[in-house]
Amino acid sequence: MVFGAPKPSNGIIDNYVARRSFDNGGESMFVVDEPKSEDVHHLQRAVTHYKTLQTVGTGANTYSMLHLKPLTGRQHQLRLHCHQSLGVF
């Protein structure tokens, strides 16, 4: 269940999941469509099939039930794909 409705309602997300390390010891993970940054470490291809099963509500109160099928097993892959690639939370 996610907040929002993905457009298009089904498809394949095929990009890369990257990890960036900070000087204070922290890390950040994010999606990269085309790898080219020198400061990105652990860049890995991530592929997810998705399909919207049901959407309820309207406007700011829209929720969707998604069927997510990861073809690769990257850390935080589904969360990152929903948020950064589909724009749903």
PDB file of N, CA and C in Angstrom:
ATOM      1  N   MET A   1       0.852  -1.158   0.000  1.00  0.00           N
ATOM      2  CA  MET A   1       0.000   0.000   0.000  1.00  0.00           C
ATOM      3  C   MET A   1       0.905   1.230   0.000  1.00  0.00           C
ATOM      4  N   VAL A   2       0.634   2.147  -0.906  1.00  0.00           N
ATOM      5  CA  VAL A   2       1.434   3.367  -1.013  1.00  0.00           C
ATOM      6  C   VAL A   2       0.514   4.579  -1.080  1.00  0.00           C
ATOM      7  N   PHE A   3       1.052   5.719  -0.755  1.00  0.00           N
ATOM      8  CA  PHE A   3       0.344   6.984  -0.857  1.00  0.00           C
ATOM      9  C   PHE A   3       0.568   7.521  -2.256  1.00  0.00           C
ATOM     10  N   GLY A   4      -0.516   7.733  -3.003  1.00  0.00           N
ATOM     11  CA  GLY A   4      -0.412   8.234  -4.366  1.00  0.00           C
ATOM     12  C   GLY A   4      -0.788   7.154  -5.369  1.00  0.00           C
ATOM     13  N   ALA A   5      -0.715   7.500  -6.645  1.00  0.00           N
ATOM     14  CA  ALA A   5      -1.033   6.573  -7.729  1.00  0.00           C
ATOM     15  C   ALA A   5       0.052   6.679  -8.794  1.00  0.00           C
ATOM     16  N   PRO A   6       0.759   5.590  -9.059  1.00  0.00           N
ATOM     17  CA  PRO A   6       1.834   5.649 -10.049  1.00  0.00           C
ATOM     18  C   PRO A   6       1.289   5.846 -11.458  1.00  0.00           C
ATOM     19  N   LYS A   7       2.038   6.569 -12.263  1.00  0.00           N
ATOM     20  CA  LYS A   7       1.721   6.761 -13.673  1.00  0.00           C
ATOM     21  C   LYS A   7       2.948   6.348 -14.472  1.00  0.00           C
ATOM     22  N   PRO A   8       2.862   5.409 -15.394  1.00  0.00           N
ATOM     23  CA  PRO A   8       1.693   4.597 -15.733  1.00  0.00           C
ATOM     24  C   PRO A   8       1.365   3.611 -14.609  1.00  0.00           C
ATOM     25  N   SER A   9       0.223   2.981 -14.702  1.00  0.00           N
ATOM     26  CA  SER A   9      -0.252   2.119 -13.623  1.00  0.00           C
ATOM     27  C   SER A   9       0.491   0.788 -13.540  1.00  0.00           C
ATOM     28  N   ASN A  10       1.234   0.424 -14.578  1.00  0.00           N
ATOM     29  CA  ASN A  10       2.062  -0.781 -14.501  1.00  0.00           C
ATOM     30  C   ASN A  10       3.243  -0.638 -15.444  1.00  0.00           C
ATOM     31  N   GLY A  11       4.280  -1.438 -15.178  1.00  0.00           N
ATOM     32  CA  GLY A  11       5.460  -1.362 -16.030  1.00  0.00           C
ATOM     33  C   GLY A  11       6.681  -1.970 -15.381  1.00  0.00           C
ATOM     34  N   ILE A  12       7.821  -1.609 -15.925  1.00  0.00           N
ATOM     35  CA  ILE A  12       9.114  -2.100 -15.443  1.00  0.00           C
ATOM     36  C   ILE A  12       9.984  -0.895 -15.109  1.00  0.00           C
ATOM     37  N   ILE A  13      10.566  -0.910 -13.926  1.00  0.00           N
ATOM     38  CA  ILE A  13      11.541   0.110 -13.533  1.00  0.00           C
ATOM     39  C   ILE A  13      12.913  -0.535 -13.686  1.00  0.00           C
ATOM     40  N   ASP A  14      13.774   0.061 -14.485  1.00  0.00           N
ATOM     41  CA  ASP A  14      15.104  -0.489 -14.750  1.00  0.00           C
ATOM     42  C   ASP A  14      16.104   0.651 -14.641  1.00  0.00           C
ATOM     43  N   ASN A  15      16.788   0.735 -13.502  1.00  0.00           N
ATOM     44  CA  ASN A  15      17.792   1.767 -13.291  1.00  0.00           C
ATOM     45  C   ASN A  15      18.843   1.236 -12.326  1.00  0.00           C
ATOM     46  N   TYR A  16      19.495   2.097 -11.603  1.00  0.00           N
ATOM     47  CA  TYR A  16      20.570   1.695 -10.703  1.00  0.00           C
ATOM     48  C   TYR A  16      20.310   2.231  -9.308  1.00  0.00           C
ATOM     49  N   VAL A  17      20.710   1.444  -8.309  1.00  0.00           N
ATOM     50  CA  VAL A  17      20.675   1.881  -6.921  1.00  0.00           C
ATOM     51  C   VAL A  17      22.118   2.186  -6.532  1.00  0.00           C
ATOM     52  N   ALA A  18      22.318   3.362  -5.957  1.00  0.00           N
ATOM     53  CA  ALA A  18      23.667   3.803  -5.600  1.00  0.00           C
ATOM     54  C   ALA A  18      23.742   4.105  -4.114  1.00  0.00           C
ATOM     55  N   ARG A  19      24.947   4.025  -3.602  1.00  0.00           N
ATOM     56  CA  ARG A  19      25.203   4.357  -2.195  1.00  0.00           C
ATOM     57  C   ARG A  19      26.292   5.416  -2.153  1.00  0.00           C
ATOM     58  N   ARG A  20      26.036   6.469  -1.400  1.00  0.00           N
ATOM     59  CA  ARG A  20      27.037   7.527  -1.222  1.00  0.00           C
ATOM     60  C   ARG A  20      27.415   7.574   0.254  1.00  0.00           C
ATOM     61  N   SER A  21      28.708   7.567   0.528  1.00  0.00           N
ATOM     62  CA  SER A  21      29.221   7.653   1.897  1.00  0.00           C
ATOM     63  C   SER A  21      29.589   9.095   2.212  1.00  0.00           C
ATOM     64  N   PHE A  22      29.349   9.487   3.450  1.00  0.00           N
ATOM     65  CA  PHE A  22      29.678  10.842   3.904  1.00  0.00           C
ATOM     66  C   PHE A  22      30.846  10.790   4.878  1.00  0.00           C
ATOM     67  N   ASP A  23      31.516  11.920   5.027  1.00  0.00           N
ATOM     68  CA  ASP A  23      32.680  12.003   5.906  1.00  0.00           C
ATOM     69  C   ASP A  23      32.347  11.660   7.356  1.00  0.00           C
ATOM     70  N   ASN A  24      31.099  11.908   7.785  1.00  0.00           N
ATOM     71  CA  ASN A  24      30.727  11.650   9.169  1.00  0.00           C
ATOM     72  C   ASN A  24      30.359  10.183   9.413  1.00  0.00           C
ATOM     73  N   GLY A  25      30.534   9.330   8.390  1.00  0.00           N
ATOM     74  CA  GLY A  25      30.261   7.913   8.538  1.00  0.00           C
ATOM     75  C   GLY A  25      28.871   7.497   8.073  1.00  0.00           C
ATOM     76  N   GLY A  26      28.022   8.453   7.745  1.00  0.00           N
ATOM     77  CA  GLY A  26      26.673   8.145   7.281  1.00  0.00           C
ATOM     78  C   GLY A  26      26.658   7.738   5.821  1.00  0.00           C
ATOM     79  N   GLU A  27      25.531   7.176   5.415  1.00  0.00           N
ATOM     80  CA  GLU A  27      25.342   6.762   4.028  1.00  0.00           C
ATOM     81  C   GLU A  27      23.976   7.206   3.537  1.00  0.00           C
ATOM     82  N   SER A  28      23.876   7.338   2.230  1.00  0.00           N
ATOM     83  CA  SER A  28      22.615   7.674   1.588  1.00  0.00           C
ATOM     84  C   SER A  28      22.451   6.770   0.376  1.00  0.00           C
ATOM     85  N   MET A  29      21.234   6.256   0.176  1.00  0.00           N
ATOM     86  CA  MET A  29      20.966   5.423  -0.990  1.00  0.00           C
ATOM     87  C   MET A  29      19.969   6.156  -1.873  1.00  0.00           C
ATOM     88  N   PHE A  30      20.146   6.022  -3.198  1.00  0.00           N
ATOM     89  CA  PHE A  30      19.289   6.746  -4.130  1.00  0.00           C
ATOM     90  C   PHE A  30      19.319   6.059  -5.481  1.00  0.00           C
ATOM     91  N   VAL A  31      18.386   6.452  -6.350  1.00  0.00           N
ATOM     92  CA  VAL A  31      18.262   5.886  -7.689  1.00  0.00           C
ATOM     93  C   VAL A  31      19.034   6.735  -8.685  1.00  0.00           C
ATOM     94  N   VAL A  32      19.733   6.070  -9.608  1.00  0.00           N
ATOM     95  CA  VAL A  32      20.478   6.739 -10.676  1.00  0.00           C
ATOM     96  C   VAL A  32      19.994   6.149 -11.997  1.00  0.00           C
ATOM     97  N   ASP A  33      19.527   6.998 -12.906  1.00  0.00           N
ATOM     98  CA  ASP A  33      19.071   6.503 -14.197  1.00  0.00           C
ATOM     99  C   ASP A  33      20.229   6.144 -15.109  1.00  0.00           C
ATOM    100  N   GLU A  34      21.245   6.996 -15.143  1.00  0.00           N
ATOM    101  CA  GLU A  34      22.430   6.732 -15.960  1.00  0.00           C
ATOM    102  C   GLU A  34      23.670   6.982 -15.111  1.00  0.00           C
ATOM    103  N   PRO A  35      24.460   5.939 -14.854  1.00  0.00           N
ATOM    104  CA  PRO A  35      25.640   6.107 -13.998  1.00  0.00           C
ATOM    105  C   PRO A  35      26.710   6.961 -14.658  1.00  0.00           C
ATOM    106  N   LYS A  36      27.151   7.999 -13.940  1.00  0.00           N
ATOM    107  CA  LYS A  36      28.257   8.818 -14.430  1.00  0.00           C
ATOM    108  C   LYS A  36      28.916   9.646 -13.343  1.00  0.00           C
ATOM    109  N   SER A  37      28.513   9.509 -12.105  1.00  0.00           N
ATOM    110  CA  SER A  37      29.072  10.317 -11.030  1.00  0.00           C
ATOM    111  C   SER A  37      30.261   9.607 -10.388  1.00  0.00           C
ATOM    112  N   GLU A  38      31.349  10.311 -10.219  1.00  0.00           N
ATOM    113  CA  GLU A  38      32.563   9.743  -9.646  1.00  0.00           C
ATOM    114  C   GLU A  38      32.446   9.508  -8.142  1.00  0.00           C
ATOM    115  N   ASP A  39      31.543  10.218  -7.451  1.00  0.00           N
ATOM    116  CA  ASP A  39      31.461  10.092  -6.000  1.00  0.00           C
ATOM    117  C   ASP A  39      30.425   9.056  -5.555  1.00  0.00           C
ATOM    118  N   VAL A  40      29.931   8.256  -6.468  1.00  0.00           N
ATOM    119  CA  VAL A  40      28.946   7.227  -6.143  1.00  0.00           C
ATOM    120  C   VAL A  40      29.655   5.882  -6.017  1.00  0.00           C
ATOM    121  N   HIS A  41      29.354   5.173  -4.952  1.00  0.00           N
ATOM    122  CA  HIS A  41      29.960   3.867  -4.707  1.00  0.00           C
ATOM    123  C   HIS A  41      28.878   2.791  -4.719  1.00  0.00           C
ATOM    124  N   HIS A  42      29.272   1.575  -5.012  1.00  0.00           N
ATOM    125  CA  HIS A  42      28.369   0.425  -4.968  1.00  0.00           C
ATOM    126  C   HIS A  42      27.173   0.603  -5.895  1.00  0.00           C
ATOM    127  N   LEU A  43      27.408   1.039  -7.099  1.00  0.00           N
ATOM    128  CA  LEU A  43      26.349   1.213  -8.086  1.00  0.00           C
ATOM    129  C   LEU A  43      25.926  -0.151  -8.606  1.00  0.00           C
ATOM    130  N   GLN A  44      24.620  -0.485  -8.472  1.00  0.00           N
ATOM    131  CA  GLN A  44      24.127  -1.786  -8.901  1.00  0.00           C
ATOM    132  C   GLN A  44      22.822  -1.626  -9.666  1.00  0.00           C
ATOM    133  N   ARG A  45      22.681  -2.397 -10.731  1.00  0.00           N
ATOM    134  CA  ARG A  45      21.450  -2.367 -11.517  1.00  0.00           C
ATOM    135  C   ARG A  45      20.308  -2.918 -10.672  1.00  0.00           C
ATOM    136  N   ALA A  46      19.130  -2.278 -10.788  1.00  0.00           N
ATOM    137  CA  ALA A  46      17.951  -2.697 -10.032  1.00  0.00           C
ATOM    138  C   ALA A  46      16.746  -2.707 -10.970  1.00  0.00           C
ATOM    139  N   VAL A  47      16.052  -3.847 -11.030  1.00  0.00           N
ATOM    140  CA  VAL A  47      14.906  -4.002 -11.930  1.00  0.00           C
ATOM    141  C   VAL A  47      13.707  -4.479 -11.117  1.00  0.00           C
ATOM    142  N   THR A  48      12.570  -3.789 -11.263  1.00  0.00           N
ATOM    143  CA  THR A  48      11.337  -4.144 -10.568  1.00  0.00           C
ATOM    144  C   THR A  48      10.165  -4.079 -11.537  1.00  0.00           C
ATOM    145  N   HIS A  49       9.362  -5.144 -11.586  1.00  0.00           N
ATOM    146  CA  HIS A  49       8.076  -5.119 -12.294  1.00  0.00           C
ATOM    147  C   HIS A  49       7.044  -4.619 -11.285  1.00  0.00           C
ATOM    148  N   TYR A  50       6.126  -3.765 -11.725  1.00  0.00           N
ATOM    149  CA  TYR A  50       5.081  -3.290 -10.823  1.00  0.00           C
ATOM    150  C   TYR A  50       3.744  -3.245 -11.546  1.00  0.00           C
ATOM    151  N   LYS A  51       2.678  -3.396 -10.761  1.00  0.00           N
ATOM    152  CA  LYS A  51       1.318  -3.346 -11.287  1.00  0.00           C
ATOM    153  C   LYS A  51       0.415  -2.773 -10.205  1.00  0.00           C
ATOM    154  N   THR A  52      -0.420  -1.799 -10.572  1.00  0.00           N
ATOM    155  CA  THR A  52      -1.383  -1.246  -9.634  1.00  0.00           C
ATOM    156  C   THR A  52      -2.585  -2.176  -9.574  1.00  0.00           C
ATOM    157  N   LEU A  53      -2.875  -2.682  -8.381  1.00  0.00           N
ATOM    158  CA  LEU A  53      -4.007  -3.587  -8.197  1.00  0.00           C
ATOM    159  C   LEU A  53      -5.296  -2.828  -7.917  1.00  0.00           C
ATOM    160  N   GLN A  54      -5.186  -1.740  -7.139  1.00  0.00           N
ATOM    161  CA  GLN A  54      -6.369  -0.955  -6.783  1.00  0.00           C
ATOM    162  C   GLN A  54      -5.935   0.430  -6.325  1.00  0.00           C
ATOM    163  N   THR A  55      -6.735   1.428  -6.677  1.00  0.00           N
ATOM    164  CA  THR A  55      -6.509   2.796  -6.223  1.00  0.00           C
ATOM    165  C   THR A  55      -7.800   3.295  -5.591  1.00  0.00           C
ATOM    166  N   VAL A  56      -7.685   3.893  -4.415  1.00  0.00           N
ATOM    167  CA  VAL A  56      -8.851   4.450  -3.726  1.00  0.00           C
ATOM    168  C   VAL A  56      -8.561   5.885  -3.341  1.00  0.00           C
ATOM    169  N   GLY A  57      -9.613   6.685  -3.212  1.00  0.00           N
ATOM    170  CA  GLY A  57      -9.472   8.073  -2.815  1.00  0.00           C
ATOM    171  C   GLY A  57      -9.247   8.982  -4.009  1.00  0.00           C
ATOM    172  N   THR A  58      -9.159  10.283  -3.716  1.00  0.00           N
ATOM    173  CA  THR A  58      -8.936  11.283  -4.752  1.00  0.00           C
ATOM    174  C   THR A  58      -7.982  12.353  -4.243  1.00  0.00           C
ATOM    175  N   GLY A  59      -7.369  13.038  -5.173  1.00  0.00           N
ATOM    176  CA  GLY A  59      -6.506  14.170  -4.834  1.00  0.00           C
ATOM    177  C   GLY A  59      -5.419  13.798  -3.848  1.00  0.00           C
ATOM    178  N   ALA A  60      -5.311  14.580  -2.776  1.00  0.00           N
ATOM    179  CA  ALA A  60      -4.268  14.379  -1.772  1.00  0.00           C
ATOM    180  C   ALA A  60      -4.510  13.137  -0.915  1.00  0.00           C
ATOM    181  N   ASN A  61      -5.676  12.538  -1.027  1.00  0.00           N
ATOM    182  CA  ASN A  61      -6.013  11.346  -0.241  1.00  0.00           C
ATOM    183  C   ASN A  61      -6.108  10.091  -1.113  1.00  0.00           C
ATOM    184  N   THR A  62      -5.172   9.937  -2.039  1.00  0.00           N
ATOM    185  CA  THR A  62      -5.162   8.785  -2.931  1.00  0.00           C
ATOM    186  C   THR A  62      -4.172   7.739  -2.425  1.00  0.00           C
ATOM    187  N   TYR A  63      -4.633   6.486  -2.389  1.00  0.00           N
ATOM    188  CA  TYR A  63      -3.793   5.371  -1.973  1.00  0.00           C
ATOM    189  C   TYR A  63      -3.903   4.271  -3.018  1.00  0.00           C
ATOM    190  N   SER A  64      -2.801   3.543  -3.215  1.00  0.00           N
ATOM    191  CA  SER A  64      -2.796   2.461  -4.200  1.00  0.00           C
ATOM    192  C   SER A  64      -2.188   1.202  -3.603  1.00  0.00           C
ATOM    193  N   MET A  65      -2.766   0.071  -3.990  1.00  0.00           N
ATOM    194  CA  MET A  65      -2.214  -1.225  -3.640  1.00  0.00           C
ATOM    195  C   MET A  65      -1.412  -1.683  -4.857  1.00  0.00           C
ATOM    196  N   LEU A  66      -0.123  -1.919  -4.648  1.00  0.00           N
ATOM    197  CA  LEU A  66       0.756  -2.316  -5.742  1.00  0.00           C
ATOM    198  C   LEU A  66       1.213  -3.759  -5.580  1.00  0.00           C
ATOM    199  N   HIS A  67       1.406  -4.428  -6.692  1.00  0.00           N
ATOM    200  CA  HIS A  67       2.095  -5.713  -6.713  1.00  0.00           C
ATOM    201  C   HIS A  67       3.493  -5.418  -7.245  1.00  0.00           C
ATOM    202  N   LEU A  68       4.506  -5.635  -6.414  1.00  0.00           N
ATOM    203  CA  LEU A  68       5.890  -5.354  -6.776  1.00  0.00           C
ATOM    204  C   LEU A  68       6.654  -6.664  -6.880  1.00  0.00           C
ATOM    205  N   LYS A  69       7.373  -6.833  -7.975  1.00  0.00           N
ATOM    206  CA  LYS A  69       8.160  -8.049  -8.178  1.00  0.00           C
ATOM    207  C   LYS A  69       9.596  -7.653  -8.529  1.00  0.00           C
ATOM    208  N   PRO A  70      10.485  -7.668  -7.532  1.00  0.00           N
ATOM    209  CA  PRO A  70      11.878  -7.321  -7.823  1.00  0.00           C
ATOM    210  C   PRO A  70      12.565  -8.458  -8.581  1.00  0.00           C
ATOM    211  N   LEU A  71      13.240  -8.112  -9.679  1.00  0.00           N
ATOM    212  CA  LEU A  71      14.011  -9.100 -10.427  1.00  0.00           C
ATOM    213  C   LEU A  71      15.456  -9.139  -9.956  1.00  0.00           C
ATOM    214  N   THR A  72      15.846  -8.121  -9.213  1.00  0.00           N
ATOM    215  CA  THR A  72      17.161  -8.070  -8.590  1.00  0.00           C
ATOM    216  C   THR A  72      16.930  -7.846  -7.098  1.00  0.00           C
ATOM    217  N   GLY A  73      17.909  -8.109  -6.291  1.00  0.00           N
ATOM    218  CA  GLY A  73      17.731  -8.005  -4.839  1.00  0.00           C
ATOM    219  C   GLY A  73      18.631  -6.963  -4.221  1.00  0.00           C
ATOM    220  N   ARG A  74      18.374  -5.714  -4.507  1.00  0.00           N
ATOM    221  CA  ARG A  74      19.196  -4.636  -3.957  1.00  0.00           C
ATOM    222  C   ARG A  74      18.612  -4.130  -2.647  1.00  0.00           C
ATOM    223  N   GLN A  75      19.491  -3.704  -1.744  1.00  0.00           N
ATOM    224  CA  GLN A  75      19.039  -3.163  -0.475  1.00  0.00           C
ATOM    225  C   GLN A  75      18.168  -1.927  -0.714  1.00  0.00           C
ATOM    226  N   HIS A  76      16.992  -1.895  -0.108  1.00  0.00           N
ATOM    227  CA  HIS A  76      16.025  -0.793  -0.207  1.00  0.00           C
ATOM    228  C   HIS A  76      15.472  -0.588  -1.616  1.00  0.00           C
ATOM    229  N   GLN A  77      15.608  -1.578  -2.493  1.00  0.00           N
ATOM    230  CA  GLN A  77      15.197  -1.432  -3.890  1.00  0.00           C
ATOM    231  C   GLN A  77      13.729  -1.039  -4.036  1.00  0.00           C
ATOM    232  N   LEU A  78      12.824  -1.745  -3.387  1.00  0.00           N
ATOM    233  CA  LEU A  78      11.396  -1.462  -3.557  1.00  0.00           C
ATOM    234  C   LEU A  78      11.030  -0.090  -3.010  1.00  0.00           C
ATOM    235  N   ARG A  79      11.555   0.251  -1.872  1.00  0.00           N
ATOM    236  CA  ARG A  79      11.289   1.568  -1.278  1.00  0.00           C
ATOM    237  C   ARG A  79      11.801   2.688  -2.193  1.00  0.00           C
ATOM    238  N   LEU A  80      13.013   2.542  -2.698  1.00  0.00           N
ATOM    239  CA  LEU A  80      13.584   3.559  -3.581  1.00  0.00           C
ATOM    240  C   LEU A  80      12.822   3.648  -4.902  1.00  0.00           C
ATOM    241  N   HIS A  81      12.455   2.520  -5.479  1.00  0.00           N
ATOM    242  CA  HIS A  81      11.726   2.547  -6.738  1.00  0.00           C
ATOM    243  C   HIS A  81      10.350   3.192  -6.574  1.00  0.00           C
ATOM    244  N   CYS A  82       9.657   2.877  -5.488  1.00  0.00           N
ATOM    245  CA  CYS A  82       8.345   3.507  -5.269  1.00  0.00           C
ATOM    246  C   CYS A  82       8.481   5.012  -5.109  1.00  0.00           C
ATOM    247  N   HIS A  83       9.406   5.423  -4.278  1.00  0.00           N
ATOM    248  CA  HIS A  83       9.531   6.852  -3.958  1.00  0.00           C
ATOM    249  C   HIS A  83      10.169   7.655  -5.090  1.00  0.00           C
ATOM    250  N   GLN A  84      11.328   7.234  -5.558  1.00  0.00           N
ATOM    251  CA  GLN A  84      12.086   8.068  -6.506  1.00  0.00           C
ATOM    252  C   GLN A  84      11.738   7.817  -7.956  1.00  0.00           C
ATOM    253  N   SER A  85      11.277   6.618  -8.308  1.00  0.00           N
ATOM    254  CA  SER A  85      10.961   6.343  -9.717  1.00  0.00           C
ATOM    255  C   SER A  85       9.480   6.495 -10.024  1.00  0.00           C
ATOM    256  N   LEU A  86       8.602   6.079  -9.095  1.00  0.00           N
ATOM    257  CA  LEU A  86       7.167   6.167  -9.325  1.00  0.00           C
ATOM    258  C   LEU A  86       6.530   7.393  -8.686  1.00  0.00           C
ATOM    259  N   GLY A  87       7.205   8.000  -7.721  1.00  0.00           N
ATOM    260  CA  GLY A  87       6.662   9.196  -7.071  1.00  0.00           C
ATOM    261  C   GLY A  87       5.571   8.898  -6.053  1.00  0.00           C
ATOM    262  N   VAL A  88       5.530   7.671  -5.537  1.00  0.00           N
ATOM    263  CA  VAL A  88       4.565   7.315  -4.497  1.00  0.00           C
ATOM    264  C   VAL A  88       5.340   6.962  -3.233  1.00  0.00           C
ATOM    265  N   PHE A  89       4.697   7.091  -2.089  1.00  0.00           N
ATOM    266  CA  PHE A  89       5.379   6.860  -0.810  1.00  0.00           C
ATOM    267  C   PHE A  89       4.792   5.668  -0.097  1.00  0.00           C
TER     268      PHE A  89
END
